[in-house]
Protein backbone atom coordinates (compact mmCIF):
# COMPACT_ATOMS: atom_id res chain seq x y z
CA MET A 1 142.95 261.73 66.76
CA PRO A 2 144.09 263.83 63.80
CA VAL A 3 144.78 267.47 64.47
CA PRO A 4 142.78 269.99 62.36
CA LEU A 5 144.82 271.80 59.74
CA LEU A 6 145.82 275.32 60.67
CA GLN A 7 144.81 278.25 58.52
CA GLU A 8 147.37 280.00 56.35
CA LYS A 9 147.61 283.72 55.90
CA ILE A 10 149.42 285.19 52.90
CA SER A 11 151.23 288.42 53.77
CA ASP A 12 151.84 291.36 51.45
CA SER A 13 155.48 290.31 51.11
CA SER A 14 154.53 286.98 49.49
CA THR A 15 155.49 284.98 52.55
CA THR A 16 153.33 282.38 54.24
CA THR A 17 152.75 282.37 57.98
CA ILE A 18 151.02 279.54 59.85
CA MET A 19 148.42 281.04 62.18
CA LYS A 20 145.67 279.94 64.53
CA PRO A 21 143.40 281.83 66.92
CA LEU A 22 144.70 281.67 70.46
CA SER A 23 142.78 280.65 73.52
CA MET A 24 142.95 283.03 76.48
CA ASP A 25 145.24 280.62 78.29
CA LEU A 26 147.70 280.50 75.41
CA GLN A 27 147.51 284.26 75.01
CA ASN A 28 148.46 284.72 78.64
CA LYS A 29 151.38 282.32 78.24
CA ARG A 30 152.49 284.12 75.12
CA GLU A 31 152.45 287.45 76.97
CA LYS A 32 154.53 285.95 79.77
CA LEU A 33 157.03 284.60 77.26
CA LYS A 34 157.17 287.95 75.51
CA ASP A 35 157.74 289.73 78.81
CA LEU A 36 160.50 287.28 79.67
CA ALA A 37 162.26 287.88 76.37
CA LEU A 38 162.16 291.65 76.79
CA HIS A 39 163.41 291.68 80.36
CA LEU A 40 165.95 288.89 80.55
CA VAL A 41 168.69 291.44 81.21
CA ASP A 42 167.07 293.00 84.28
CA ASP A 43 169.17 290.96 86.69
CA ILE A 44 172.48 291.12 84.82
CA ARG A 45 173.73 294.01 86.94
CA PRO A 46 171.17 294.66 89.69
CA GLU A 47 173.63 296.59 91.85
CA MET A 48 173.62 299.71 89.63
CA LYS A 49 171.01 301.55 87.58
CA GLU A 50 172.67 304.98 87.46
CA ASP A 51 173.58 304.67 83.77
CA ILE A 52 170.15 303.50 82.54
CA TYR A 53 168.38 305.97 80.25
CA ASP A 54 165.57 307.95 81.89
CA PRO A 55 162.99 308.73 79.17
CA THR A 56 160.84 310.71 81.59
CA TYR A 57 163.32 313.59 81.75
CA GLN A 58 162.76 316.23 79.08
CA ASP A 59 164.24 319.68 78.53
CA GLU A 60 162.12 322.64 79.50
CA VAL A 61 160.50 324.48 76.62
CA GLY A 62 162.50 327.53 75.62
CA PRO A 63 165.89 328.56 74.28
CA ALA A 64 168.97 326.51 75.09
CA PRO A 65 171.08 327.74 78.03
CA LYS A 66 173.79 330.25 77.12
CA LEU A 67 177.34 328.98 76.80
CA GLU A 68 180.06 330.59 78.95
CA TYR A 69 183.48 330.26 77.35
CA VAL A 70 186.46 329.16 79.43
CA TRP A 71 189.33 330.96 77.72
CA ARG A 72 192.04 329.07 79.57
CA ASN A 73 190.74 325.81 78.09
CA ILE A 74 190.41 327.35 74.63
CA ILE A 75 194.00 328.63 74.64
CA LEU A 76 195.48 325.38 75.98
CA MET A 77 193.51 323.28 73.48
CA ALA A 78 194.64 325.52 70.62
CA LEU A 79 198.30 325.29 71.70
CA LEU A 80 198.07 321.49 71.98
CA HIS A 81 196.72 321.15 68.46
CA LEU A 82 199.31 323.56 67.07
CA GLY A 83 201.99 321.41 68.69
CA ALA A 84 200.37 318.30 67.21
CA LEU A 85 200.39 319.86 63.73
CA TYR A 86 204.08 320.63 64.11
CA GLY A 87 204.57 317.04 65.29
CA ILE A 88 203.09 315.84 61.99
CA THR A 89 205.84 317.68 60.11
CA LEU A 90 208.51 316.07 62.33
CA ALA A 91 207.04 312.56 62.30
CA PRO A 92 208.62 311.42 58.99
CA GLY A 93 212.07 312.09 60.46
CA CYS A 94 211.47 310.02 63.60
CA LYS A 95 213.13 306.68 64.19
CA ALA A 96 211.07 303.51 63.77
CA TYR A 97 211.21 302.79 67.49
CA THR A 98 209.69 306.21 68.18
CA TRP A 99 206.74 305.34 65.94
CA LEU A 100 206.28 302.01 67.71
CA TRP A 101 206.55 303.66 71.12
CA ALA A 102 203.96 306.29 70.18
CA PHE A 103 201.60 303.57 68.95
CA LEU A 104 202.08 301.59 72.18
CA CYS A 105 201.30 304.70 74.25
CA TYR A 106 198.23 305.27 72.06
CA VAL A 107 196.89 301.75 72.69
CA VAL A 108 197.59 301.96 76.42
CA SER A 109 195.88 305.36 76.61
CA ILE A 110 192.80 304.13 74.75
CA LEU A 111 192.56 301.06 77.00
CA GLY A 112 192.74 303.34 80.02
CA ILE A 113 189.53 304.93 78.75
CA THR A 114 187.69 302.00 77.14
CA ALA A 115 188.54 299.07 79.42
CA GLY A 116 189.06 301.28 82.47
CA ALA A 117 187.06 304.48 82.90
CA HIS A 118 184.31 303.31 80.57
CA ARG A 119 183.52 299.61 80.83
CA LEU A 120 184.92 298.90 84.30
CA TRP A 121 184.19 302.00 86.36
CA SER A 122 181.39 303.84 84.51
CA HIS A 123 179.25 300.79 83.76
CA ARG A 124 180.61 298.04 86.05
CA THR A 125 180.37 295.53 83.20
CA TYR A 126 183.06 293.33 84.75
CA LYS A 127 185.23 293.15 87.83
CA ALA A 128 189.01 293.47 87.96
CA ARG A 129 191.63 292.42 90.45
CA LEU A 130 194.15 294.89 91.85
CA PRO A 131 196.96 294.43 89.26
CA LEU A 132 194.56 295.10 86.38
CA ARG A 133 192.92 298.04 88.15
CA LEU A 134 196.36 299.51 88.84
CA PHE A 135 197.36 299.18 85.17
CA LEU A 136 194.10 300.78 84.02
CA ILE A 137 194.51 303.69 86.45
CA ILE A 138 198.02 304.34 85.11
CA ALA A 139 196.78 304.01 81.52
CA ASN A 140 193.95 306.41 82.29
CA SER A 141 196.42 309.00 83.56
CA MET A 142 198.36 308.61 80.31
CA ALA A 143 195.13 309.35 78.40
CA PHE A 144 194.63 312.62 80.40
CA GLN A 145 190.85 312.99 80.00
CA ASN A 146 189.92 313.87 83.59
CA ASP A 147 190.33 311.47 86.48
CA VAL A 148 188.25 308.29 86.51
CA TYR A 149 185.81 309.56 89.13
CA GLU A 150 184.88 312.67 87.13
CA TRP A 151 184.92 310.78 83.81
CA ALA A 152 182.60 308.06 85.11
CA ARG A 153 180.24 310.55 86.78
CA ASP A 154 179.85 312.59 83.60
CA HIS A 155 179.45 309.46 81.50
CA ARG A 156 176.67 308.11 83.68
CA VAL A 157 174.89 311.46 83.39
CA HIS A 158 175.35 311.25 79.60
CA HIS A 159 173.66 307.84 79.50
CA LYS A 160 170.84 308.65 81.88
CA PHE A 161 169.90 312.01 80.34
CA THR A 162 171.24 311.58 76.82
CA GLU A 163 170.54 314.31 74.24
CA THR A 164 169.19 316.78 76.80
CA HIS A 165 170.72 319.84 78.44
CA ALA A 166 171.74 317.52 81.29
CA ASP A 167 173.93 315.58 78.84
CA PRO A 168 177.51 316.96 79.11
CA HIS A 169 178.06 316.58 75.34
CA ASN A 170 174.54 316.83 73.95
CA SER A 171 174.77 316.01 70.23
CA ARG A 172 171.68 318.10 69.49
CA ARG A 173 173.80 321.21 70.00
CA GLY A 174 175.82 320.37 66.91
CA PHE A 175 178.93 318.48 65.85
CA PHE A 176 181.51 320.91 67.25
CA PHE A 177 179.86 321.14 70.66
CA CYS A 178 179.58 317.38 71.22
CA HIS A 179 183.07 316.78 69.81
CA VAL A 180 185.16 319.32 71.72
CA GLY A 181 183.10 322.44 72.39
CA TRP A 182 181.64 321.10 75.62
CA LEU A 183 185.16 321.14 77.09
CA LEU A 184 185.66 324.79 76.15
CA VAL A 185 182.65 326.12 78.07
CA ARG A 186 181.45 325.99 81.64
CA LYS A 187 179.46 322.91 82.55
CA GLN A 188 175.72 323.40 82.11
CA GLN A 189 173.72 323.85 85.33
CA ALA A 190 171.49 320.88 84.45
CA VAL A 191 174.57 318.66 84.12
CA LYS A 192 175.75 319.68 87.58
CA GLU A 193 172.33 319.17 89.15
CA LYS A 194 171.70 315.76 87.65
CA GLY A 195 175.26 314.61 88.29
CA GLY A 196 174.86 315.58 91.93
CA LEU A 197 171.78 313.37 92.24
CA LEU A 198 173.48 310.19 91.04
CA ASP A 199 174.61 307.55 93.51
CA LEU A 200 178.39 307.46 93.11
CA SER A 201 179.10 305.57 96.31
CA ASP A 202 180.74 302.71 94.39
CA LEU A 203 183.31 305.13 92.96
CA LYS A 204 183.90 306.92 96.26
CA ALA A 205 184.44 303.60 98.03
CA GLU A 206 187.31 302.61 95.73
CA LYS A 207 190.53 303.87 97.30
CA LEU A 208 192.51 303.58 94.08
CA LEU A 209 190.19 306.02 92.32
CA MET A 210 190.32 308.48 95.19
CA PHE A 211 194.14 308.24 95.23
CA GLN A 212 194.27 309.04 91.52
CA ARG A 213 191.86 311.94 92.00
CA ARG A 214 193.98 313.38 94.80
CA TYR A 215 197.24 313.16 92.82
CA TYR A 216 195.85 313.52 89.32
CA SER A 217 197.97 316.49 88.19
CA PRO A 218 201.38 314.93 88.93
CA SER A 219 200.25 311.55 87.58
CA VAL A 220 199.17 313.15 84.28
CA LEU A 221 202.36 315.17 84.01
CA LEU A 222 204.42 312.01 84.49
CA MET A 223 202.42 309.49 82.44
CA CYS A 224 201.07 311.65 79.60
CA PHE A 225 204.09 313.89 78.93
CA ILE A 226 207.34 313.19 80.81
CA LEU A 227 207.61 309.41 80.42
CA PRO A 228 206.49 309.25 76.75
CA THR A 229 208.97 312.02 75.90
CA LEU A 230 212.00 310.74 77.84
CA VAL A 231 211.85 307.07 76.77
CA PRO A 232 212.68 307.65 73.05
CA TRP A 233 215.25 310.33 73.90
CA TYR A 234 217.05 308.21 76.52
CA CYS A 235 216.63 304.65 75.19
CA TRP A 236 217.40 304.96 71.46
CA GLY A 237 218.74 308.45 70.98
CA GLU A 238 215.75 310.22 69.46
CA THR A 239 216.08 314.00 69.49
CA PHE A 240 214.28 315.69 72.36
CA ARG A 241 212.34 317.91 69.95
CA HIS A 242 211.04 314.93 67.97
CA SER A 243 210.14 313.06 71.17
CA LEU A 244 208.27 316.03 72.66
CA TYR A 245 206.18 316.96 69.63
CA VAL A 246 205.35 313.35 68.74
CA THR A 247 204.06 313.10 72.33
CA PHE A 248 201.82 316.12 71.68
CA LEU A 249 200.68 314.52 68.43
CA ARG A 250 199.87 311.21 70.12
CA TYR A 251 197.92 312.93 72.89
CA ALA A 252 195.91 315.03 70.42
CA VAL A 253 195.06 311.94 68.36
CA VAL A 254 193.90 310.05 71.48
CA LEU A 255 191.67 312.97 72.46
CA ASN A 256 190.07 313.38 69.04
CA VAL A 257 189.56 309.67 68.49
CA THR A 258 187.79 309.44 71.85
CA TRP A 259 185.69 312.51 71.09
CA LEU A 260 184.53 310.93 67.81
CA VAL A 261 182.39 308.58 69.89
CA ASN A 262 180.50 311.60 71.25
CA SER A 263 180.16 313.29 67.86
CA VAL A 264 180.29 310.96 64.85
CA ALA A 265 178.85 307.92 66.67
CA HIS A 266 175.90 310.07 67.75
CA LEU A 267 175.25 311.62 64.35
CA TYR A 268 176.26 309.18 61.59
CA GLY A 269 175.52 305.47 61.28
CA TYR A 270 172.80 302.86 61.65
CA ARG A 271 170.41 302.33 64.56
CA PRO A 272 169.55 298.63 64.37
CA TYR A 273 168.71 298.29 68.06
CA ASP A 274 166.71 301.45 68.72
CA LYS A 275 165.81 304.01 66.08
CA ASN A 276 164.56 306.44 68.74
CA ILE A 277 167.96 307.33 70.22
CA GLU A 278 170.90 309.17 68.66
CA GLY A 279 173.63 306.59 69.37
CA ARG A 280 174.73 304.96 66.08
CA GLU A 281 176.66 301.92 64.89
CA ASN A 282 179.86 303.11 63.18
CA VAL A 283 182.57 300.54 62.46
CA LEU A 284 185.15 303.17 61.49
CA ILE A 285 184.92 304.67 64.97
CA SER A 286 185.42 301.20 66.45
CA LEU A 287 188.71 300.84 64.59
CA GLY A 288 190.20 303.94 66.19
CA THR A 289 188.68 303.51 69.64
CA LEU A 290 189.40 299.77 69.87
CA GLY A 291 185.73 298.81 70.00
CA GLU A 292 183.61 301.79 71.07
CA GLY A 293 181.79 302.45 67.79
CA PHE A 294 178.85 300.10 68.37
CA HIS A 295 177.11 302.97 70.07
CA ASN A 296 173.47 302.22 69.36
CA TYR A 297 173.92 298.83 71.01
CA HIS A 298 175.88 300.33 73.89
CA HIS A 299 173.23 302.89 74.79
CA ILE A 300 170.58 300.16 74.87
CA PHE A 301 172.73 297.64 76.76
CA PRO A 302 175.33 299.68 78.72
CA TYR A 303 175.94 296.74 81.07
CA ASP A 304 177.46 294.50 78.34
CA TYR A 305 181.23 294.24 78.83
CA SER A 306 181.75 293.97 75.04
CA ALA A 307 179.83 297.19 74.31
CA SER A 308 178.81 295.25 71.21
CA GLU A 309 176.85 292.19 70.15
CA TYR A 310 179.73 290.82 68.11
CA HIS A 311 182.40 290.11 70.73
CA TRP A 312 185.90 290.51 69.17
CA SER A 313 184.80 291.94 65.82
CA PHE A 314 186.47 295.39 65.51
CA ASN A 315 186.71 295.30 69.30
CA PHE A 316 190.25 294.99 70.68
CA THR A 317 189.08 296.15 74.11
CA THR A 318 186.87 293.07 74.45
CA PHE A 319 189.80 290.90 73.37
CA PHE A 320 191.95 292.57 76.03
CA ILE A 321 189.34 292.00 78.76
CA ASP A 322 188.95 288.36 77.69
CA CYS A 323 192.73 287.90 77.89
CA MET A 324 192.71 289.38 81.38
CA ALA A 325 189.88 287.02 82.31
CA ALA A 326 191.86 284.07 80.94
CA ILE A 327 194.71 284.79 83.37
CA GLY A 328 192.36 285.52 86.26
CA LEU A 329 192.68 289.31 86.44
CA ALA A 330 189.14 289.99 85.19
CA TYR A 331 185.99 288.15 86.20
CA ASP A 332 182.19 288.39 86.34
CA LEU A 333 182.01 289.54 82.73
CA LYS A 334 178.43 290.56 81.95
CA LYS A 335 176.94 289.71 78.53
CA VAL A 336 173.41 290.36 77.28
CA PRO A 337 171.52 287.21 76.17
CA LYS A 338 170.90 286.92 72.45
CA ALA A 339 167.19 286.56 73.13
CA SER A 340 166.97 290.01 74.67
CA ILE A 341 168.93 291.53 71.80
CA LEU A 342 166.62 290.06 69.16
CA ALA A 343 163.53 291.10 71.10
CA ARG A 344 164.76 294.69 71.30
CA ILE A 345 165.65 294.76 67.60
CA LYS A 346 162.15 293.77 66.62
CA ARG A 347 160.57 296.26 68.99
CA THR A 348 162.56 299.39 68.21
CA GLY A 349 165.20 298.70 65.51
CA ASP A 350 165.43 300.66 62.26
CA GLY A 351 165.51 297.51 60.10
CA SER A 352 169.25 297.63 59.35
CA TYR A 353 170.20 294.75 61.66
CA LYS A 354 172.39 292.04 60.14
CA SER A 355 173.44 288.89 61.95
CA GLY A 356 174.40 285.39 60.89
CA CYS A 357 173.40 284.66 57.28
CA GLY A 358 170.63 287.17 56.85
CA ALA A 359 168.88 290.19 58.22
CA PHE A 360 165.80 291.54 59.90
CA PRO A 361 164.04 293.63 57.24
CA ASN A 362 161.71 296.35 58.41
CA SER A 363 158.44 294.58 57.66
CA SER A 364 155.60 292.79 59.40
CA ILE A 365 157.16 289.40 58.70
CA VAL A 366 160.70 288.78 59.90
CA ARG A 367 163.08 286.40 58.17
CA VAL A 368 165.33 284.92 60.84
CA TRP A 369 168.74 283.35 60.34
CA ILE A 370 170.60 281.83 63.27
CA CYS A 371 174.00 280.33 62.54
CA ALA A 372 176.35 278.01 64.37
CA GLY A 373 178.70 279.88 66.67
CA GLU A 374 178.81 283.61 67.32
CA THR A 375 180.69 284.81 64.23
CA PRO A 376 178.54 287.28 62.27
CA MET A 377 177.95 287.16 58.53
CA GLN A 378 178.71 283.51 57.89
CA LYS A 379 178.07 282.10 54.41
CA GLU A 380 174.77 280.34 53.91
CA GLU A 381 176.52 277.05 53.15
CA THR A 382 178.11 276.99 56.62
CA CYS A 383 174.84 277.43 58.49
CA LEU A 384 173.40 274.31 60.04
CA PRO A 385 169.66 274.10 59.55
CA SER A 386 169.49 272.28 62.86
CA GLN A 387 169.77 275.78 64.25
CA TYR A 388 166.98 277.21 62.10
CA LEU A 389 164.37 276.23 64.63
CA GLN A 390 160.71 276.84 63.95
CA ILE A 391 159.70 278.96 66.92
CA THR A 392 156.46 280.24 65.47
CA MET A 393 153.47 278.14 66.60
CA TRP A 394 151.52 281.39 67.15
CA TRP A 395 154.16 282.62 69.59
CA ASN A 396 157.67 284.02 69.35
CA GLU A 397 160.08 283.31 72.16
CA GLU A 398 163.72 283.82 71.27
CA ALA A 399 164.87 282.43 74.62
CA HIS A 400 163.88 278.95 73.48
CA CYS A 401 165.64 279.54 70.19
CA GLN A 402 168.82 280.61 71.99
CA ALA A 403 168.72 277.57 74.28
CA LEU A 404 168.11 275.13 71.42
CA ARG A 405 170.33 276.66 68.77
CA ASN A 406 173.38 274.51 69.56
CA GLN A 407 171.45 271.25 69.65
CA HIS A 408 171.66 269.13 66.50
CA VAL A 409 167.95 268.77 65.86
CA HIS A 410 167.55 266.90 62.57
CA THR A 411 163.90 265.79 62.85
CA LEU A 412 160.77 267.37 64.19
CA SER A 413 160.39 264.67 66.80
CA SER A 414 163.80 265.45 68.31
CA TYR A 415 163.00 269.15 68.12
CA LYS A 416 159.74 268.48 69.94
CA SER A 417 161.52 266.78 72.82
CA GLY A 418 163.93 269.67 73.16
CA LEU A 419 161.11 272.17 73.15
CA ILE A 420 159.15 270.25 75.77
CA ASP A 421 162.24 270.15 77.99
CA LEU A 422 162.19 273.94 77.93
CA GLY A 423 158.57 274.14 79.00
CA GLY A 424 156.98 274.75 75.62
CA GLN A 425 154.79 271.64 75.59
CA GLU A 426 151.40 273.34 75.77
CA LEU A 427 152.34 275.91 73.17
CA GLY A 428 154.02 273.60 70.71
CA GLU A 429 152.34 270.22 71.10
CA GLU A 430 149.54 270.65 68.60
CA ARG A 431 151.67 272.14 65.83
CA ILE A 432 154.42 269.52 66.11
CA ASN A 433 152.09 266.54 66.27
CA ARG A 434 150.64 267.15 62.84
CA SER A 435 150.54 263.77 61.17
CA GLU A 436 152.00 265.04 57.91
CA GLY A 437 155.07 266.60 59.50
CA MET A 438 155.88 264.50 62.53
CA ASN A 439 158.90 262.81 60.92
CA ALA A 440 159.81 265.46 58.38
CA VAL A 441 163.55 265.61 57.81
CA VAL A 442 165.25 268.96 58.19
CA PRO A 443 167.58 269.64 55.22
CA LEU A 444 171.26 269.62 56.17
CA ASN A 445 172.31 272.55 53.97
CA CYS A 446 171.06 275.06 51.47
CA HIS A 447 171.59 272.75 48.51
CA MET A 448 169.63 269.91 50.13
CA LYS A 449 166.78 272.31 50.85
CA LYS A 450 166.62 273.34 47.19
CA ALA A 451 166.78 269.71 46.06
CA MET A 452 163.95 268.75 48.41
CA GLU A 453 161.83 271.60 47.11
CA LYS A 454 162.43 270.47 43.51
CA GLN A 455 161.19 267.01 44.47
CA SER A 456 157.83 268.58 45.37
CA ILE A 457 157.87 267.21 48.89
CA PRO A 458 154.63 268.30 50.60
CA LYS A 459 154.88 271.64 52.32
CA GLU A 460 153.77 270.12 55.60
CA GLN A 461 157.05 268.18 55.69
CA LEU A 462 159.13 271.28 55.11
CA TRP A 463 157.78 273.60 57.77
CA ALA A 464 161.14 273.38 59.59
CA LYS A 465 163.08 274.60 56.57
CA MET A 466 166.15 276.80 56.78
CA ALA A 467 164.58 280.20 56.18
CA PHE A 468 161.41 280.25 58.20
CA GLN A 469 158.88 282.91 58.98
CA ILE A 470 158.13 284.33 62.40
CA GLN A 471 155.11 286.47 63.05
CA ASN A 472 156.02 289.66 64.89
CA LEU A 473 154.95 289.99 68.52
C-alpha cells in the first residue's frame, strides 16, 4: 500500500523541512527520546554532584559585601611580581639549559593544577593510581596555589554558585577581582558558608591529600623555590642570582596564566554551549593553561576529563591523561556523549558552535554536519555522507545519529535496518518506506552530490543528502 506523501513546509531561511502531524503515541515517544538526549550524562559520575551548578541560589538584593584587604598578601604579591620583573631583565643572560628547566617546571606546575587539583580531585573526571597521584601532588606543590584540599573545595564552590557572592572569584565584581583581587581580601562570608555545606568526604578520605595539607609549607618551599633554584646553579653552573629570579618569574607566570581562566575565560569569548553563563571558550587561554580555555563547555560538563569537546586540540592536559591511561596509571576516564553535547547546544547555545564541516547557526532550522572521526573542522571533501544520516522524520534524536555515524550506510534500505536495530522502527518506518526513495543512493562526496543535483534526480531520492535539515526540538 503506497504511503501518502508528507507535507512540506518552507521556512524563512529558504530551507525545506519534511513535516507531518504526530499522533499522541509518537509525540510521547519523541518526548522520551528528547529527554534521553538531554540527560544521557546523568549517570557518568553519579558518586558526586558537589560541582554541579545550582541555579536556585541567588544573591540577596542589596549592595555587594565590603572587601577587607589582607595587607600581608598584598605586600607578598607585590614583591613577587617585582622579583619577576627583575627576572625578565636577567632572562636574556641565562643559559639555554636554564630556559629549558624553567619551561619544564612551568609544564609540571600547570599539570599539577589542571590534571591534578582540577580534573582529578575537584571534579573526579578520572581515577589515578598511586604513582600518578604522587607525581600530581608534587607538581601541585611546585605550582603553590593552595593545597589540593583547599583548591578543590573552593573550585567546587565556584562551580556550584558561579557568579554570585558565594563564588570565590566572582567575575561580576570586575576583571581585577576575579583575576587576583580575590586573593588579596578576606574570603567572603557566603563563600565560607557554602563551602562548609559541601560534602568533601572524598577529599578527606584520601591520605595523600591530607599529608600534603599537613606539610604544605615545607613542600612548597622545597618544590616551588629551593629545587628550581638549586638545579641550574648546581648542575650547569648558572649564577645563583639568575636561577633565583628566573624561579620568581616562572612562578609569577604560572600564577597569572592560571588566573586568566578565572578572568579572561569568564569575560571574553564565545558561549556555544550555554549563553546564560559567564564561562567562555577562549583558545588563547587554552594554549597557556594546557587545555583549560574551553570554559563554557567545562561549566556545562564539569565531569568530562577533557574539559573540552575536542579531545587533544589545544589540550595538552588531555594528551597527558591519555598517555597515563595508556600505561595503566589513569583509568575510568569520563567523557560526555556527543548526543548530549548537541542537545545542549541547541537548547542553550549562542549560535557560535562549530564542529565537523559546518556549524549550528542561531535559527529555527539547524544545518547539521557530522564527519568521520573526532577531528574538528575537516574539509567538506573528507566527510563521508554515510555519516550525514537523516534523523528528522518528525523527531530529532542525536543518540541514534551518534550510534550510526560510523556505519557505512550507502542506501536508505541499509540505513533503515540500522535505525530499526536501535529501536526507531515505529518512528522511522513510514518515512523510509516511501516508494520513491526506498533505494535512493546516498552521494559519496560533495562533488557527487552536486552532479546528482544537476541531473535533476527527483528530490524524493535525495532526502538523505549530505547537508540535511533537522527541525528543532
